[in-house]
Amino acid sequence: MDFSAEEKRQHARHHESICAWLSFCDDHALYGTITVDVGVGGARFNTQRCVKTGDHVLLNMQVEPKSVECKGRVCWTNCTEDGLNAFGVKFYDLRDDEREHLRKYFKQESHSSVAAAIAGVPV
């Protein structure tokens, strides 16, 4: 993937490690992973599973104090140096209350990080 390409995302991404369960439509198994980055419009993941652009996936992310569940579509894939498959998912059918929950979570996390940095506390 060309990371120098023009940014096409509509929503900012946050470098947050959020536990997620993914179920791909072509095999229905559950895969546990962590987000590499995430926003209200999508997320990036790494997995050992072979993933193809256009794959459809059901996501369940554990964004405390509740989970966020939605459907998504793989928009890009890339093999990492350590042999994992990196891929980006665009969210579909995210409910308004879940979208708002994500917005509040990211706002709270960014304020926590800034406050900790000012206080000299490692994040």
PDB file of N, CA and C in Angstrom:
ATOM      1  N   MET A   1       0.845  -1.188   0.000  1.00  0.00           N
ATOM      2  CA  MET A   1       0.000   0.000   0.000  1.00  0.00           C
ATOM      3  C   MET A   1       0.878   1.235   0.000  1.00  0.00           C
ATOM      4  N   ASP A   2       0.514   2.209  -0.772  1.00  0.00           N
ATOM      5  CA  ASP A   2       1.270   3.447  -0.879  1.00  0.00           C
ATOM      6  C   ASP A   2       0.767   4.432   0.164  1.00  0.00           C
ATOM      7  N   PHE A   3       1.543   4.583   1.274  1.00  0.00           N
ATOM      8  CA  PHE A   3       1.119   5.472   2.341  1.00  0.00           C
ATOM      9  C   PHE A   3       1.342   6.932   1.990  1.00  0.00           C
ATOM     10  N   SER A   4       2.047   7.204   0.885  1.00  0.00           N
ATOM     11  CA  SER A   4       2.260   8.592   0.470  1.00  0.00           C
ATOM     12  C   SER A   4       1.089   9.105  -0.362  1.00  0.00           C
ATOM     13  N   ALA A   5       0.153   8.222  -0.691  1.00  0.00           N
ATOM     14  CA  ALA A   5      -1.001   8.626  -1.500  1.00  0.00           C
ATOM     15  C   ALA A   5      -1.855   9.620  -0.728  1.00  0.00           C
ATOM     16  N   GLU A   6      -2.613  10.397  -1.450  1.00  0.00           N
ATOM     17  CA  GLU A   6      -3.495  11.389  -0.842  1.00  0.00           C
ATOM     18  C   GLU A   6      -4.490  10.722   0.109  1.00  0.00           C
ATOM     19  N   GLU A   7      -4.694  11.311   1.259  1.00  0.00           N
ATOM     20  CA  GLU A   7      -5.631  10.787   2.259  1.00  0.00           C
ATOM     21  C   GLU A   7      -7.050  10.867   1.717  1.00  0.00           C
ATOM     22  N   LYS A   8      -7.767   9.728   1.737  1.00  0.00           N
ATOM     23  CA  LYS A   8      -9.122   9.677   1.205  1.00  0.00           C
ATOM     24  C   LYS A   8     -10.164   9.472   2.300  1.00  0.00           C
ATOM     25  N   ARG A   9      -9.736   9.339   3.544  1.00  0.00           N
ATOM     26  CA  ARG A   9     -10.673   9.089   4.636  1.00  0.00           C
ATOM     27  C   ARG A   9     -11.484  10.336   4.956  1.00  0.00           C
ATOM     28  N   GLN A  10     -12.743  10.104   5.328  1.00  0.00           N
ATOM     29  CA  GLN A  10     -13.617  11.200   5.736  1.00  0.00           C
ATOM     30  C   GLN A  10     -13.480  11.490   7.219  1.00  0.00           C
ATOM     31  N   HIS A  11     -13.004  10.508   8.006  1.00  0.00           N
ATOM     32  CA  HIS A  11     -12.914  10.642   9.457  1.00  0.00           C
ATOM     33  C   HIS A  11     -11.483  10.374   9.915  1.00  0.00           C
ATOM     34  N   ALA A  12     -11.060  11.079  10.946  1.00  0.00           N
ATOM     35  CA  ALA A  12      -9.727  10.893  11.510  1.00  0.00           C
ATOM     36  C   ALA A  12      -9.574   9.499  12.089  1.00  0.00           C
ATOM     37  N   ARG A  13      -8.355   8.993  12.093  1.00  0.00           N
ATOM     38  CA  ARG A  13      -8.040   7.716  12.718  1.00  0.00           C
ATOM     39  C   ARG A  13      -7.237   7.977  13.987  1.00  0.00           C
ATOM     40  N   HIS A  14      -7.408   7.100  14.954  1.00  0.00           N
ATOM     41  CA  HIS A  14      -6.727   7.194  16.242  1.00  0.00           C
ATOM     42  C   HIS A  14      -5.924   5.918  16.441  1.00  0.00           C
ATOM     43  N   HIS A  15      -4.701   6.054  16.893  1.00  0.00           N
ATOM     44  CA  HIS A  15      -3.846   4.887  17.132  1.00  0.00           C
ATOM     45  C   HIS A  15      -4.224   4.274  18.480  1.00  0.00           C
ATOM     46  N   GLU A  16      -5.303   3.545  18.476  1.00  0.00           N
ATOM     47  CA  GLU A  16      -5.843   2.900  19.672  1.00  0.00           C
ATOM     48  C   GLU A  16      -5.832   1.391  19.473  1.00  0.00           C
ATOM     49  N   SER A  17      -5.472   0.670  20.504  1.00  0.00           N
ATOM     50  CA  SER A  17      -5.520  -0.790  20.473  1.00  0.00           C
ATOM     51  C   SER A  17      -6.814  -1.236  21.134  1.00  0.00           C
ATOM     52  N   ILE A  18      -7.793  -1.562  20.306  1.00  0.00           N
ATOM     53  CA  ILE A  18      -9.099  -1.991  20.791  1.00  0.00           C
ATOM     54  C   ILE A  18      -9.306  -3.450  20.400  1.00  0.00           C
ATOM     55  N   CYS A  19      -9.666  -4.269  21.362  1.00  0.00           N
ATOM     56  CA  CYS A  19      -9.933  -5.677  21.104  1.00  0.00           C
ATOM     57  C   CYS A  19     -11.131  -5.813  20.173  1.00  0.00           C
ATOM     58  N   ALA A  20     -10.987  -6.665  19.155  1.00  0.00           N
ATOM     59  CA  ALA A  20     -12.066  -6.838  18.181  1.00  0.00           C
ATOM     60  C   ALA A  20     -12.198  -8.305  17.793  1.00  0.00           C
ATOM     61  N   TRP A  21     -13.414  -8.692  17.484  1.00  0.00           N
ATOM     62  CA  TRP A  21     -13.712 -10.012  16.942  1.00  0.00           C
ATOM     63  C   TRP A  21     -14.228  -9.807  15.529  1.00  0.00           C
ATOM     64  N   LEU A  22     -13.634 -10.520  14.576  1.00  0.00           N
ATOM     65  CA  LEU A  22     -14.009 -10.394  13.174  1.00  0.00           C
ATOM     66  C   LEU A  22     -14.543 -11.730  12.665  1.00  0.00           C
ATOM     67  N   SER A  23     -15.619 -11.671  11.911  1.00  0.00           N
ATOM     68  CA  SER A  23     -16.177 -12.853  11.269  1.00  0.00           C
ATOM     69  C   SER A  23     -16.346 -12.527   9.789  1.00  0.00           C
ATOM     70  N   PHE A  24     -15.593 -13.228   8.942  1.00  0.00           N
ATOM     71  CA  PHE A  24     -15.651 -12.994   7.504  1.00  0.00           C
ATOM     72  C   PHE A  24     -16.783 -13.810   6.896  1.00  0.00           C
ATOM     73  N   CYS A  25     -17.454 -13.236   5.933  1.00  0.00           N
ATOM     74  CA  CYS A  25     -18.636 -13.873   5.338  1.00  0.00           C
ATOM     75  C   CYS A  25     -18.332 -15.186   4.635  1.00  0.00           C
ATOM     76  N   ASP A  26     -17.084 -15.377   4.179  1.00  0.00           N
ATOM     77  CA  ASP A  26     -16.789 -16.591   3.428  1.00  0.00           C
ATOM     78  C   ASP A  26     -16.404 -17.793   4.289  1.00  0.00           C
ATOM     79  N   ASP A  27     -16.186 -17.607   5.615  1.00  0.00           N
ATOM     80  CA  ASP A  27     -15.870 -18.780   6.438  1.00  0.00           C
ATOM     81  C   ASP A  27     -16.547 -18.783   7.808  1.00  0.00           C
ATOM     82  N   HIS A  28     -17.089 -17.681   8.254  1.00  0.00           N
ATOM     83  CA  HIS A  28     -17.879 -17.568   9.488  1.00  0.00           C
ATOM     84  C   HIS A  28     -17.127 -17.927  10.767  1.00  0.00           C
ATOM     85  N   ALA A  29     -15.818 -18.128  10.721  1.00  0.00           N
ATOM     86  CA  ALA A  29     -15.038 -18.343  11.941  1.00  0.00           C
ATOM     87  C   ALA A  29     -14.835 -17.001  12.635  1.00  0.00           C
ATOM     88  N   LEU A  30     -14.559 -17.015  13.924  1.00  0.00           N
ATOM     89  CA  LEU A  30     -14.263 -15.790  14.664  1.00  0.00           C
ATOM     90  C   LEU A  30     -12.753 -15.626  14.785  1.00  0.00           C
ATOM     91  N   TYR A  31     -12.274 -14.431  14.468  1.00  0.00           N
ATOM     92  CA  TYR A  31     -10.860 -14.118  14.580  1.00  0.00           C
ATOM     93  C   TYR A  31     -10.695 -12.980  15.576  1.00  0.00           C
ATOM     94  N   GLY A  32      -9.921 -13.198  16.624  1.00  0.00           N
ATOM     95  CA  GLY A  32      -9.634 -12.157  17.597  1.00  0.00           C
ATOM     96  C   GLY A  32      -8.420 -11.366  17.155  1.00  0.00           C
ATOM     97  N   THR A  33      -8.497 -10.052  17.259  1.00  0.00           N
ATOM     98  CA  THR A  33      -7.382  -9.190  16.873  1.00  0.00           C
ATOM     99  C   THR A  33      -7.502  -7.869  17.631  1.00  0.00           C
ATOM    100  N   ILE A  34      -6.596  -6.959  17.354  1.00  0.00           N
ATOM    101  CA  ILE A  34      -6.603  -5.635  17.970  1.00  0.00           C
ATOM    102  C   ILE A  34      -6.497  -4.609  16.844  1.00  0.00           C
ATOM    103  N   THR A  35      -7.189  -3.492  17.007  1.00  0.00           N
ATOM    104  CA  THR A  35      -7.081  -2.438  15.997  1.00  0.00           C
ATOM    105  C   THR A  35      -5.672  -1.852  16.023  1.00  0.00           C
ATOM    106  N   VAL A  36      -5.176  -1.497  14.847  1.00  0.00           N
ATOM    107  CA  VAL A  36      -3.916  -0.763  14.729  1.00  0.00           C
ATOM    108  C   VAL A  36      -4.239   0.723  14.813  1.00  0.00           C
ATOM    109  N   ASP A  37      -5.265   1.116  14.083  1.00  0.00           N
ATOM    110  CA  ASP A  37      -5.847   2.447  14.219  1.00  0.00           C
ATOM    111  C   ASP A  37      -7.332   2.316  13.919  1.00  0.00           C
ATOM    112  N   VAL A  38      -8.101   3.269  14.418  1.00  0.00           N
ATOM    113  CA  VAL A  38      -9.556   3.167  14.315  1.00  0.00           C
ATOM    114  C   VAL A  38     -10.168   4.559  14.344  1.00  0.00           C
ATOM    115  N   GLY A  39     -11.292   4.703  13.680  1.00  0.00           N
ATOM    116  CA  GLY A  39     -12.050   5.944  13.687  1.00  0.00           C
ATOM    117  C   GLY A  39     -13.526   5.606  13.564  1.00  0.00           C
ATOM    118  N   VAL A  40     -14.366   6.601  13.437  1.00  0.00           N
ATOM    119  CA  VAL A  40     -15.802   6.342  13.336  1.00  0.00           C
ATOM    120  C   VAL A  40     -16.190   5.795  11.969  1.00  0.00           C
ATOM    121  N   GLY A  41     -15.268   5.835  10.996  1.00  0.00           N
ATOM    122  CA  GLY A  41     -15.581   5.347   9.659  1.00  0.00           C
ATOM    123  C   GLY A  41     -14.934   4.027   9.296  1.00  0.00           C
ATOM    124  N   GLY A  42     -13.946   3.586  10.095  1.00  0.00           N
ATOM    125  CA  GLY A  42     -13.269   2.347   9.761  1.00  0.00           C
ATOM    126  C   GLY A  42     -12.106   2.077  10.684  1.00  0.00           C
ATOM    127  N   ALA A  43     -11.379   0.978  10.381  1.00  0.00           N
ATOM    128  CA  ALA A  43     -10.255   0.578  11.219  1.00  0.00           C
ATOM    129  C   ALA A  43      -9.239  -0.198  10.402  1.00  0.00           C
ATOM    130  N   ARG A  44      -8.013  -0.257  10.938  1.00  0.00           N
ATOM    131  CA  ARG A  44      -6.956  -1.074  10.347  1.00  0.00           C
ATOM    132  C   ARG A  44      -6.640  -2.202  11.316  1.00  0.00           C
ATOM    133  N   PHE A  45      -6.471  -3.388  10.762  1.00  0.00           N
ATOM    134  CA  PHE A  45      -6.185  -4.586  11.544  1.00  0.00           C
ATOM    135  C   PHE A  45      -5.004  -5.322  10.945  1.00  0.00           C
ATOM    136  N   ASN A  46      -4.412  -6.228  11.736  1.00  0.00           N
ATOM    137  CA  ASN A  46      -3.415  -7.190  11.267  1.00  0.00           C
ATOM    138  C   ASN A  46      -3.910  -8.565  11.670  1.00  0.00           C
ATOM    139  N   THR A  47      -3.731  -9.550  10.796  1.00  0.00           N
ATOM    140  CA  THR A  47      -4.138 -10.919  11.116  1.00  0.00           C
ATOM    141  C   THR A  47      -3.307 -11.896  10.305  1.00  0.00           C
ATOM    142  N   GLN A  48      -3.292 -13.155  10.732  1.00  0.00           N
ATOM    143  CA  GLN A  48      -2.614 -14.198   9.963  1.00  0.00           C
ATOM    144  C   GLN A  48      -3.507 -14.707   8.836  1.00  0.00           C
ATOM    145  N   ARG A  49      -4.797 -14.448   8.916  1.00  0.00           N
ATOM    146  CA  ARG A  49      -5.748 -14.923   7.906  1.00  0.00           C
ATOM    147  C   ARG A  49      -5.505 -14.189   6.589  1.00  0.00           C
ATOM    148  N   CYS A  50      -5.615 -14.909   5.493  1.00  0.00           N
ATOM    149  CA  CYS A  50      -5.536 -14.283   4.172  1.00  0.00           C
ATOM    150  C   CYS A  50      -6.798 -13.445   3.954  1.00  0.00           C
ATOM    151  N   VAL A  51      -6.625 -12.183   3.631  1.00  0.00           N
ATOM    152  CA  VAL A  51      -7.738 -11.247   3.460  1.00  0.00           C
ATOM    153  C   VAL A  51      -7.640 -10.641   2.066  1.00  0.00           C
ATOM    154  N   LYS A  52      -8.782 -10.485   1.418  1.00  0.00           N
ATOM    155  CA  LYS A  52      -8.807  -9.911   0.069  1.00  0.00           C
ATOM    156  C   LYS A  52      -9.623  -8.615   0.062  1.00  0.00           C
ATOM    157  N   THR A  53      -9.226  -7.683  -0.784  1.00  0.00           N
ATOM    158  CA  THR A  53     -10.000  -6.466  -0.982  1.00  0.00           C
ATOM    159  C   THR A  53     -11.404  -6.862  -1.431  1.00  0.00           C
ATOM    160  N   GLY A  54     -12.403  -6.247  -0.823  1.00  0.00           N
ATOM    161  CA  GLY A  54     -13.797  -6.543  -1.144  1.00  0.00           C
ATOM    162  C   GLY A  54     -14.440  -7.541  -0.193  1.00  0.00           C
ATOM    163  N   ASP A  55     -13.636  -8.244   0.637  1.00  0.00           N
ATOM    164  CA  ASP A  55     -14.214  -9.176   1.616  1.00  0.00           C
ATOM    165  C   ASP A  55     -15.168  -8.430   2.551  1.00  0.00           C
ATOM    166  N   HIS A  56     -16.261  -9.083   2.888  1.00  0.00           N
ATOM    167  CA  HIS A  56     -17.216  -8.515   3.851  1.00  0.00           C
ATOM    168  C   HIS A  56     -16.980  -9.158   5.205  1.00  0.00           C
ATOM    169  N   VAL A  57     -17.125  -8.354   6.264  1.00  0.00           N
ATOM    170  CA  VAL A  57     -16.795  -8.817   7.603  1.00  0.00           C
ATOM    171  C   VAL A  57     -17.791  -8.241   8.606  1.00  0.00           C
ATOM    172  N   LEU A  58     -18.087  -9.021   9.638  1.00  0.00           N
ATOM    173  CA  LEU A  58     -18.873  -8.559  10.775  1.00  0.00           C
ATOM    174  C   LEU A  58     -17.884  -8.285  11.899  1.00  0.00           C
ATOM    175  N   LEU A  59     -17.925  -7.062  12.460  1.00  0.00           N
ATOM    176  CA  LEU A  59     -16.988  -6.655  13.500  1.00  0.00           C
ATOM    177  C   LEU A  59     -17.700  -6.471  14.832  1.00  0.00           C
ATOM    178  N   ASN A  60     -17.030  -6.856  15.892  1.00  0.00           N
ATOM    179  CA  ASN A  60     -17.496  -6.571  17.246  1.00  0.00           C
ATOM    180  C   ASN A  60     -16.280  -6.050  18.001  1.00  0.00           C
ATOM    181  N   MET A  61     -16.277  -4.739  18.289  1.00  0.00           N
ATOM    182  CA  MET A  61     -15.157  -4.116  18.984  1.00  0.00           C
ATOM    183  C   MET A  61     -15.548  -3.816  20.423  1.00  0.00           C
ATOM    184  N   GLN A  62     -14.649  -4.114  21.340  1.00  0.00           N
ATOM    185  CA  GLN A  62     -14.897  -3.920  22.762  1.00  0.00           C
ATOM    186  C   GLN A  62     -14.444  -2.523  23.183  1.00  0.00           C
ATOM    187  N   VAL A  63     -15.322  -1.536  22.984  1.00  0.00           N
ATOM    188  CA  VAL A  63     -15.042  -0.143  23.332  1.00  0.00           C
ATOM    189  C   VAL A  63     -15.779   0.119  24.648  1.00  0.00           C
ATOM    190  N   GLU A  64     -15.039   0.011  25.735  1.00  0.00           N
ATOM    191  CA  GLU A  64     -15.659   0.094  27.061  1.00  0.00           C
ATOM    192  C   GLU A  64     -16.477   1.371  27.229  1.00  0.00           C
ATOM    193  N   PRO A  65     -17.606   1.283  27.866  1.00  0.00           N
ATOM    194  CA  PRO A  65     -18.107   0.153  28.646  1.00  0.00           C
ATOM    195  C   PRO A  65     -19.013  -0.796  27.861  1.00  0.00           C
ATOM    196  N   LYS A  66     -19.079  -0.657  26.550  1.00  0.00           N
ATOM    197  CA  LYS A  66     -19.941  -1.558  25.780  1.00  0.00           C
ATOM    198  C   LYS A  66     -19.234  -1.951  24.491  1.00  0.00           C
ATOM    199  N   SER A  67     -19.841  -2.868  23.754  1.00  0.00           N
ATOM    200  CA  SER A  67     -19.252  -3.262  22.476  1.00  0.00           C
ATOM    201  C   SER A  67     -19.949  -2.515  21.337  1.00  0.00           C
ATOM    202  N   VAL A  68     -19.221  -2.386  20.241  1.00  0.00           N
ATOM    203  CA  VAL A  68     -19.734  -1.753  19.035  1.00  0.00           C
ATOM    204  C   VAL A  68     -19.712  -2.817  17.944  1.00  0.00           C
ATOM    205  N   GLU A  69     -20.859  -3.038  17.318  1.00  0.00           N
ATOM    206  CA  GLU A  69     -20.951  -4.070  16.290  1.00  0.00           C
ATOM    207  C   GLU A  69     -21.451  -3.456  14.989  1.00  0.00           C
ATOM    208  N   CYS A  70     -20.800  -3.842  13.887  1.00  0.00           N
ATOM    209  CA  CYS A  70     -21.242  -3.371  12.580  1.00  0.00           C
ATOM    210  C   CYS A  70     -20.678  -4.273  11.493  1.00  0.00           C
ATOM    211  N   LYS A  71     -21.142  -4.051  10.290  1.00  0.00           N
ATOM    212  CA  LYS A  71     -20.609  -4.737   9.127  1.00  0.00           C
ATOM    213  C   LYS A  71     -19.548  -3.848   8.503  1.00  0.00           C
ATOM    214  N   GLY A  72     -18.640  -4.470   7.763  1.00  0.00           N
ATOM    215  CA  GLY A  72     -17.610  -3.707   7.091  1.00  0.00           C
ATOM    216  C   GLY A  72     -17.177  -4.382   5.807  1.00  0.00           C
ATOM    217  N   ARG A  73     -16.400  -3.631   5.031  1.00  0.00           N
ATOM    218  CA  ARG A  73     -15.840  -4.150   3.785  1.00  0.00           C
ATOM    219  C   ARG A  73     -14.360  -3.826   3.755  1.00  0.00           C
ATOM    220  N   VAL A  74     -13.538  -4.807   3.378  1.00  0.00           N
ATOM    221  CA  VAL A  74     -12.094  -4.613   3.280  1.00  0.00           C
ATOM    222  C   VAL A  74     -11.806  -3.730   2.059  1.00  0.00           C
ATOM    223  N   CYS A  75     -11.148  -2.591   2.311  1.00  0.00           N
ATOM    224  CA  CYS A  75     -10.864  -1.616   1.246  1.00  0.00           C
ATOM    225  C   CYS A  75      -9.458  -1.768   0.672  1.00  0.00           C
ATOM    226  N   TRP A  76      -8.525  -2.274   1.481  1.00  0.00           N
ATOM    227  CA  TRP A  76      -7.153  -2.468   1.021  1.00  0.00           C
ATOM    228  C   TRP A  76      -6.499  -3.553   1.859  1.00  0.00           C
ATOM    229  N   THR A  77      -5.468  -4.167   1.305  1.00  0.00           N
ATOM    230  CA  THR A  77      -4.683  -5.170   2.033  1.00  0.00           C
ATOM    231  C   THR A  77      -3.210  -4.955   1.726  1.00  0.00           C
ATOM    232  N   ASN A  78      -2.357  -5.435   2.629  1.00  0.00           N
ATOM    233  CA  ASN A  78      -0.922  -5.317   2.462  1.00  0.00           C
ATOM    234  C   ASN A  78      -0.256  -6.340   3.370  1.00  0.00           C
ATOM    235  N   CYS A  79       0.762  -7.008   2.890  1.00  0.00           N
ATOM    236  CA  CYS A  79       1.501  -7.964   3.715  1.00  0.00           C
ATOM    237  C   CYS A  79       2.577  -7.190   4.476  1.00  0.00           C
ATOM    238  N   THR A  80       2.648  -7.403   5.797  1.00  0.00           N
ATOM    239  CA  THR A  80       3.640  -6.705   6.622  1.00  0.00           C
ATOM    240  C   THR A  80       4.968  -7.462   6.577  1.00  0.00           C
ATOM    241  N   GLU A  81       6.028  -6.829   7.074  1.00  0.00           N
ATOM    242  CA  GLU A  81       7.359  -7.448   7.090  1.00  0.00           C
ATOM    243  C   GLU A  81       7.396  -8.726   7.911  1.00  0.00           C
ATOM    244  N   ASP A  82       6.557  -8.809   8.941  1.00  0.00           N
ATOM    245  CA  ASP A  82       6.557 -10.007   9.792  1.00  0.00           C
ATOM    246  C   ASP A  82       5.580 -11.077   9.301  1.00  0.00           C
ATOM    247  N   GLY A  83       5.058 -10.914   8.090  1.00  0.00           N
ATOM    248  CA  GLY A  83       4.212 -11.935   7.487  1.00  0.00           C
ATOM    249  C   GLY A  83       2.736 -11.846   7.801  1.00  0.00           C
ATOM    250  N   LEU A  84       2.332 -10.829   8.551  1.00  0.00           N
ATOM    251  CA  LEU A  84       0.907 -10.658   8.834  1.00  0.00           C
ATOM    252  C   LEU A  84       0.220  -9.957   7.662  1.00  0.00           C
ATOM    253  N   ASN A  85      -1.070 -10.111   7.593  1.00  0.00           N
ATOM    254  CA  ASN A  85      -1.865  -9.414   6.591  1.00  0.00           C
ATOM    255  C   ASN A  85      -2.480  -8.183   7.240  1.00  0.00           C
ATOM    256  N   ALA A  86      -2.056  -6.999   6.795  1.00  0.00           N
ATOM    257  CA  ALA A  86      -2.642  -5.743   7.259  1.00  0.00           C
ATOM    258  C   ALA A  86      -3.779  -5.414   6.305  1.00  0.00           C
ATOM    259  N   PHE A  87      -4.878  -4.869   6.860  1.00  0.00           N
ATOM    260  CA  PHE A  87      -5.998  -4.513   5.993  1.00  0.00           C
ATOM    261  C   PHE A  87      -6.848  -3.438   6.637  1.00  0.00           C
ATOM    262  N   GLY A  88      -7.475  -2.637   5.786  1.00  0.00           N
ATOM    263  CA  GLY A  88      -8.359  -1.572   6.236  1.00  0.00           C
ATOM    264  C   GLY A  88      -9.805  -1.943   5.968  1.00  0.00           C
ATOM    265  N   VAL A  89     -10.657  -1.657   6.944  1.00  0.00           N
ATOM    266  CA  VAL A  89     -12.087  -1.968   6.840  1.00  0.00           C
ATOM    267  C   VAL A  89     -12.885  -0.682   6.935  1.00  0.00           C
ATOM    268  N   LYS A  90     -13.794  -0.486   6.002  1.00  0.00           N
ATOM    269  CA  LYS A  90     -14.745   0.623   6.066  1.00  0.00           C
ATOM    270  C   LYS A  90     -16.013   0.103   6.730  1.00  0.00           C
ATOM    271  N   PHE A  91     -16.488   0.823   7.758  1.00  0.00           N
ATOM    272  CA  PHE A  91     -17.683   0.403   8.490  1.00  0.00           C
ATOM    273  C   PHE A  91     -18.951   0.717   7.700  1.00  0.00           C
ATOM    274  N   TYR A  92     -19.931  -0.191   7.796  1.00  0.00           N
ATOM    275  CA  TYR A  92     -21.270   0.017   7.260  1.00  0.00           C
ATOM    276  C   TYR A  92     -22.270  -0.234   8.378  1.00  0.00           C
ATOM    277  N   ASP A  93     -23.412   0.337   8.295  1.00  0.00           N
ATOM    278  CA  ASP A  93     -24.546   0.187   9.207  1.00  0.00           C
ATOM    279  C   ASP A  93     -24.203   0.400  10.684  1.00  0.00           C
ATOM    280  N   LEU A  94     -23.229   1.271  10.961  1.00  0.00           N
ATOM    281  CA  LEU A  94     -22.933   1.641  12.341  1.00  0.00           C
ATOM    282  C   LEU A  94     -24.089   2.503  12.846  1.00  0.00           C
ATOM    283  N   ARG A  95     -24.717   2.074  13.935  1.00  0.00           N
ATOM    284  CA  ARG A  95     -25.853   2.835  14.474  1.00  0.00           C
ATOM    285  C   ARG A  95     -25.378   4.188  14.997  1.00  0.00           C
ATOM    286  N   ASP A  96     -26.288   5.158  15.017  1.00  0.00           N
ATOM    287  CA  ASP A  96     -25.947   6.510  15.474  1.00  0.00           C
ATOM    288  C   ASP A  96     -25.424   6.507  16.903  1.00  0.00           C
ATOM    289  N   ASP A  97     -26.027   5.708  17.799  1.00  0.00           N
ATOM    290  CA  ASP A  97     -25.578   5.687  19.187  1.00  0.00           C
ATOM    291  C   ASP A  97     -24.173   5.076  19.303  1.00  0.00           C
ATOM    292  N   GLU A  98     -23.852   4.100  18.446  1.00  0.00           N
ATOM    293  CA  GLU A  98     -22.511   3.517  18.468  1.00  0.00           C
ATOM    294  C   GLU A  98     -21.485   4.490  17.894  1.00  0.00           C
ATOM    295  N   ARG A  99     -21.857   5.209  16.844  1.00  0.00           N
ATOM    296  CA  ARG A  99     -20.967   6.224  16.268  1.00  0.00           C
ATOM    297  C   ARG A  99     -20.665   7.301  17.316  1.00  0.00           C
ATOM    298  N   GLU A 100     -21.686   7.729  18.043  1.00  0.00           N
ATOM    299  CA  GLU A 100     -21.493   8.738  19.091  1.00  0.00           C
ATOM    300  C   GLU A 100     -20.637   8.188  20.231  1.00  0.00           C
ATOM    301  N   HIS A 101     -20.841   6.920  20.576  1.00  0.00           N
ATOM    302  CA  HIS A 101     -20.028   6.277  21.612  1.00  0.00           C
ATOM    303  C   HIS A 101     -18.550   6.298  21.205  1.00  0.00           C
ATOM    304  N   LEU A 102     -18.252   5.991  19.935  1.00  0.00           N
ATOM    305  CA  LEU A 102     -16.873   6.032  19.446  1.00  0.00           C
ATOM    306  C   LEU A 102     -16.311   7.450  19.506  1.00  0.00           C
ATOM    307  N   ARG A 103     -17.104   8.429  19.074  1.00  0.00           N
ATOM    308  CA  ARG A 103     -16.633   9.828  19.116  1.00  0.00           C
ATOM    309  C   ARG A 103     -16.261  10.238  20.541  1.00  0.00           C
ATOM    310  N   LYS A 104     -17.131   9.913  21.492  1.00  0.00           N
ATOM    311  CA  LYS A 104     -16.860  10.268  22.896  1.00  0.00           C
ATOM    312  C   LYS A 104     -15.633   9.528  23.412  1.00  0.00           C
ATOM    313  N   TYR A 105     -15.486   8.268  23.042  1.00  0.00           N
ATOM    314  CA  TYR A 105     -14.341   7.476  23.483  1.00  0.00           C
ATOM    315  C   TYR A 105     -13.039   8.102  22.976  1.00  0.00           C
ATOM    316  N   PHE A 106     -12.990   8.466  21.693  1.00  0.00           N
ATOM    317  CA  PHE A 106     -11.772   9.046  21.134  1.00  0.00           C
ATOM    318  C   PHE A 106     -11.473  10.405  21.744  1.00  0.00           C
ATOM    319  N   LYS A 107     -12.509  11.190  21.983  1.00  0.00           N
ATOM    320  CA  LYS A 107     -12.311  12.503  22.604  1.00  0.00           C
ATOM    321  C   LYS A 107     -11.749  12.328  24.014  1.00  0.00           C
ATOM    322  N   GLN A 108     -12.295  11.401  24.772  1.00  0.00           N
ATOM    323  CA  GLN A 108     -11.833  11.123  26.136  1.00  0.00           C
ATOM    324  C   GLN A 108     -10.393  10.611  26.120  1.00  0.00           C
ATOM    325  N   GLU A 109     -10.064   9.692  25.200  1.00  0.00           N
ATOM    326  CA  GLU A 109      -8.719   9.137  25.121  1.00  0.00           C
ATOM    327  C   GLU A 109      -7.693  10.198  24.748  1.00  0.00           C
ATOM    328  N   SER A 110      -8.032  11.088  23.804  1.00  0.00           N
ATOM    329  CA  SER A 110      -7.066  12.108  23.400  1.00  0.00           C
ATOM    330  C   SER A 110      -6.825  13.097  24.532  1.00  0.00           C
ATOM    331  N   HIS A 111      -7.848  13.438  25.292  1.00  0.00           N
ATOM    332  CA  HIS A 111      -7.669  14.336  26.440  1.00  0.00           C
ATOM    333  C   HIS A 111      -6.847  13.655  27.509  1.00  0.00           C
ATOM    334  N   SER A 112      -7.039  12.362  27.749  1.00  0.00           N
ATOM    335  CA  SER A 112      -6.260  11.630  28.735  1.00  0.00           C
ATOM    336  C   SER A 112      -4.793  11.623  28.352  1.00  0.00           C
ATOM    337  N   SER A 113      -4.507  11.405  27.071  1.00  0.00           N
ATOM    338  CA  SER A 113      -3.125  11.361  26.586  1.00  0.00           C
ATOM    339  C   SER A 113      -2.451  12.721  26.723  1.00  0.00           C
ATOM    340  N   VAL A 114      -3.165  13.791  26.376  1.00  0.00           N
ATOM    341  CA  VAL A 114      -2.605  15.136  26.477  1.00  0.00           C
ATOM    342  C   VAL A 114      -2.337  15.485  27.939  1.00  0.00           C
ATOM    343  N   ALA A 115      -3.296  15.196  28.814  1.00  0.00           N
ATOM    344  CA  ALA A 115      -3.122  15.489  30.246  1.00  0.00           C
ATOM    345  C   ALA A 115      -1.950  14.707  30.816  1.00  0.00           C
ATOM    346  N   ALA A 116      -1.813  13.436  30.432  1.00  0.00           N
ATOM    347  CA  ALA A 116      -0.720  12.610  30.922  1.00  0.00           C
ATOM    348  C   ALA A 116       0.615  13.131  30.428  1.00  0.00           C
ATOM    349  N   ALA A 117       0.666  13.570  29.158  1.00  0.00           N
ATOM    350  CA  ALA A 117       1.909  14.102  28.599  1.00  0.00           C
ATOM    351  C   ALA A 117       2.321  15.375  29.324  1.00  0.00           C
ATOM    352  N   ILE A 118       1.365  16.233  29.646  1.00  0.00           N
ATOM    353  CA  ILE A 118       1.666  17.478  30.353  1.00  0.00           C
ATOM    354  C   ILE A 118       2.180  17.173  31.762  1.00  0.00           C
ATOM    355  N   ALA A 119       1.581  16.157  32.388  1.00  0.00           N
ATOM    356  CA  ALA A 119       1.973  15.792  33.737  1.00  0.00           C
ATOM    357  C   ALA A 119       3.249  14.952  33.765  1.00  0.00           C
ATOM    358  N   GLY A 120       3.725  14.524  32.578  1.00  0.00           N
ATOM    359  CA  GLY A 120       4.928  13.706  32.513  1.00  0.00           C
ATOM    360  C   GLY A 120       4.679  12.242  32.814  1.00  0.00           C
ATOM    361  N   VAL A 121       3.422  11.813  32.716  1.00  0.00           N
ATOM    362  CA  VAL A 121       3.067  10.425  32.993  1.00  0.00           C
ATOM    363  C   VAL A 121       3.090   9.654  31.681  1.00  0.00           C
ATOM    364  N   PRO A 122       3.774   8.471  31.657  1.00  0.00           N
ATOM    365  CA  PRO A 122       3.744   7.701  30.413  1.00  0.00           C
ATOM    366  C   PRO A 122       2.346   7.192  30.102  1.00  0.00           C
ATOM    367  N   VAL A 123       1.999   7.191  28.824  1.00  0.00           N
ATOM    368  CA  VAL A 123       0.669   6.744  28.389  1.00  0.00           C
ATOM    369  C   VAL A 123       0.746   5.313  27.922  1.00  0.00           C
TER     370      VAL A 123
END
